[in-house]
C-alpha atoms as a PDB file:
ATOM      1  CA  MET A   1      -0.020  -0.006  -0.026  1.00  0.00           C
ATOM      2  CA  GLY A   2       1.386   3.469  -0.932  1.00  0.00           C
ATOM      3  CA  ARG A   3       1.891   6.442   1.264  1.00  0.00           C
ATOM      4  CA  VAL A   4      -0.793   8.835   1.964  1.00  0.00           C
ATOM      5  CA  ALA A   5      -0.094  12.224   0.453  1.00  0.00           C
ATOM      6  CA  ARG A   6      -0.033  15.156   2.634  1.00  0.00           C
ATOM      7  CA  PRO A   7      -3.286  17.260   2.171  1.00  0.00           C
ATOM      8  CA  ILE A   8      -3.124  20.776   0.803  1.00  0.00           C
ATOM      9  CA  ILE A   9      -5.266  23.442   2.357  1.00  0.00           C
ATOM     10  CA  LEU A  10      -5.563  26.669   0.541  1.00  0.00           C
ATOM     11  CA  THR A  11      -6.418  30.069   1.669  1.00  0.00           C
ATOM     12  CA  GLU A  12      -9.102  31.929  -0.222  1.00  0.00           C
ATOM     13  CA  GLU A  13      -6.409  34.071  -1.732  1.00  0.00           C
ATOM     14  CA  GLU A  14      -4.362  31.109  -2.865  1.00  0.00           C
ATOM     15  CA  GLN A  15      -7.438  29.428  -4.344  1.00  0.00           C
ATOM     16  CA  SER A  16      -8.262  32.588  -6.386  1.00  0.00           C
ATOM     17  CA  SER A  17      -4.670  33.017  -7.449  1.00  0.00           C
ATOM     18  CA  LEU A  18      -4.347  29.498  -8.600  1.00  0.00           C
ATOM     19  CA  GLU A  19      -7.661  29.612 -10.414  1.00  0.00           C
ATOM     20  CA  LEU A  20      -6.579  32.750 -12.181  1.00  0.00           C
ATOM     21  CA  LEU A  21      -3.324  31.107 -13.317  1.00  0.00           C
ATOM     22  CA  THR A  22      -5.246  28.349 -14.914  1.00  0.00           C
ATOM     23  CA  ARG A  23      -7.450  30.704 -16.840  1.00  0.00           C
ATOM     24  CA  ARG A  24      -4.983  33.425 -17.984  1.00  0.00           C
ATOM     25  CA  VAL A  25      -3.950  33.287 -21.645  1.00  0.00           C
ATOM     26  CA  ARG A  26      -0.590  34.692 -20.881  1.00  0.00           C
ATOM     27  CA  SER A  27       0.258  32.180 -18.101  1.00  0.00           C
ATOM     28  CA  ALA A  28       3.049  29.764 -19.123  1.00  0.00           C
ATOM     29  CA  ARG A  29       1.621  26.442 -19.981  1.00  0.00           C
ATOM     30  CA  ALA A  30       3.828  24.580 -17.295  1.00  0.00           C
ATOM     31  CA  LEU A  31       2.621  27.190 -14.595  1.00  0.00           C
ATOM     32  CA  SER A  32      -0.921  26.653 -15.448  1.00  0.00           C
ATOM     33  CA  LEU A  33      -0.488  22.888 -15.220  1.00  0.00           C
ATOM     34  CA  ARG A  34       1.190  23.165 -11.851  1.00  0.00           C
ATOM     35  CA  ALA A  35      -1.665  25.422 -10.582  1.00  0.00           C
ATOM     36  CA  ARG A  36      -4.168  22.730 -11.879  1.00  0.00           C
ATOM     37  CA  ILE A  37      -2.283  20.028 -10.044  1.00  0.00           C
ATOM     38  CA  VAL A  38      -2.305  21.943  -6.762  1.00  0.00           C
ATOM     39  CA  LEU A  39      -5.963  22.751  -7.120  1.00  0.00           C
ATOM     40  CA  GLU A  40      -6.882  19.128  -7.687  1.00  0.00           C
ATOM     41  CA  CYS A  41      -4.783  18.028  -4.737  1.00  0.00           C
ATOM     42  CA  ALA A  42      -6.485  20.655  -2.601  1.00  0.00           C
ATOM     43  CA  GLN A  43      -9.749  18.799  -3.446  1.00  0.00           C
ATOM     44  CA  GLY A  44      -8.528  15.845  -1.459  1.00  0.00           C
ATOM     45  CA  ARG A  45      -7.535  13.762  -4.516  1.00  0.00           C
ATOM     46  CA  SER A  46      -4.549  11.320  -4.412  1.00  0.00           C
ATOM     47  CA  ASN A  47      -1.546  11.804  -6.482  1.00  0.00           C
ATOM     48  CA  LEU A  48      -2.842   8.822  -8.531  1.00  0.00           C
ATOM     49  CA  GLU A  49      -6.209  10.409  -9.097  1.00  0.00           C
ATOM     50  CA  VAL A  50      -4.800  13.798 -10.172  1.00  0.00           C
ATOM     51  CA  SER A  51      -2.276  12.077 -12.384  1.00  0.00           C
ATOM     52  CA  HIS A  52      -5.075  10.184 -14.286  1.00  0.00           C
ATOM     53  CA  LYS A  53      -7.342  13.376 -14.533  1.00  0.00           C
ATOM     54  CA  LEU A  54      -4.514  15.634 -15.881  1.00  0.00           C
ATOM     55  CA  HIS A  55      -2.737  13.026 -17.859  1.00  0.00           C
ATOM     56  CA  VAL A  56       0.593  13.443 -16.171  1.00  0.00           C
ATOM     57  CA  PRO A  57       2.951  10.979 -14.353  1.00  0.00           C
ATOM     58  CA  GLU A  58       2.031  10.347 -10.674  1.00  0.00           C
ATOM     59  CA  GLN A  59       5.596  11.541  -9.714  1.00  0.00           C
ATOM     60  CA  THR A  60       5.013  14.814 -11.382  1.00  0.00           C
ATOM     61  CA  VAL A  61       1.960  15.325  -9.052  1.00  0.00           C
ATOM     62  CA  GLY A  62       3.917  14.262  -6.005  1.00  0.00           C
ATOM     63  CA  HIS A  63       6.811  16.708  -6.988  1.00  0.00           C
ATOM     64  CA  TRP A  64       4.557  19.797  -7.324  1.00  0.00           C
ATOM     65  CA  ARG A  65       2.452  18.794  -4.271  1.00  0.00           C
ATOM     66  CA  LYS A  66       5.680  18.751  -2.127  1.00  0.00           C
ATOM     67  CA  ARG A  67       7.139  21.924  -3.725  1.00  0.00           C
ATOM     68  CA  PHE A  68       3.753  23.759  -2.967  1.00  0.00           C
ATOM     69  CA  LEU A  69       3.681  22.454   0.672  1.00  0.00           C
ATOM     70  CA  LYS A  70       7.153  23.609   1.172  1.00  0.00           C
ATOM     71  CA  LYS A  71       7.126  27.013  -0.637  1.00  0.00           C
ATOM     72  CA  ARG A  72       3.486  27.597  -1.327  1.00  0.00           C
ATOM     73  CA  ALA A  73       2.858  29.519  -4.653  1.00  0.00           C
ATOM     74  CA  ASP A  74       6.477  30.518  -5.005  1.00  0.00           C
ATOM     75  CA  GLY A  75       7.276  26.847  -5.319  1.00  0.00           C
ATOM     76  CA  LEU A  76       5.337  26.708  -8.568  1.00  0.00           C
ATOM     77  CA  LEU A  77       7.853  28.954 -10.248  1.00  0.00           C
ATOM     78  CA  ASP A  78      10.780  27.691 -12.177  1.00  0.00           C
ATOM     79  CA  GLU A  79      14.024  27.594 -10.189  1.00  0.00           C
ATOM     80  CA  PRO A  80      17.094  29.028 -11.755  1.00  0.00           C
ATOM     81  CA  ARG A  81      19.081  26.410 -13.721  1.00  0.00           C
ATOM     82  CA  PRO A  82      22.741  25.977 -12.800  1.00  0.00           C
ATOM     83  CA  ALA A  83      25.193  27.530 -15.232  1.00  0.00           C
END
């Protein structure tokens, strides 16, 4: 049996910001997907459920869930690449 993913609880402001990122035309596609992943996780869905719904690997969902829990919305941004 797999591990239980840590739940994500969003503030109203975070919820609104993430929803806006999923709808904005100018949002980067990757950022929009990350926001959708977090929103789905916040609905209480497992990594597996979210991965099936959004057609991404389960590991991707787990990665962004962890990053969001650690750094909140700032964690969804791309980190600088090493030179």
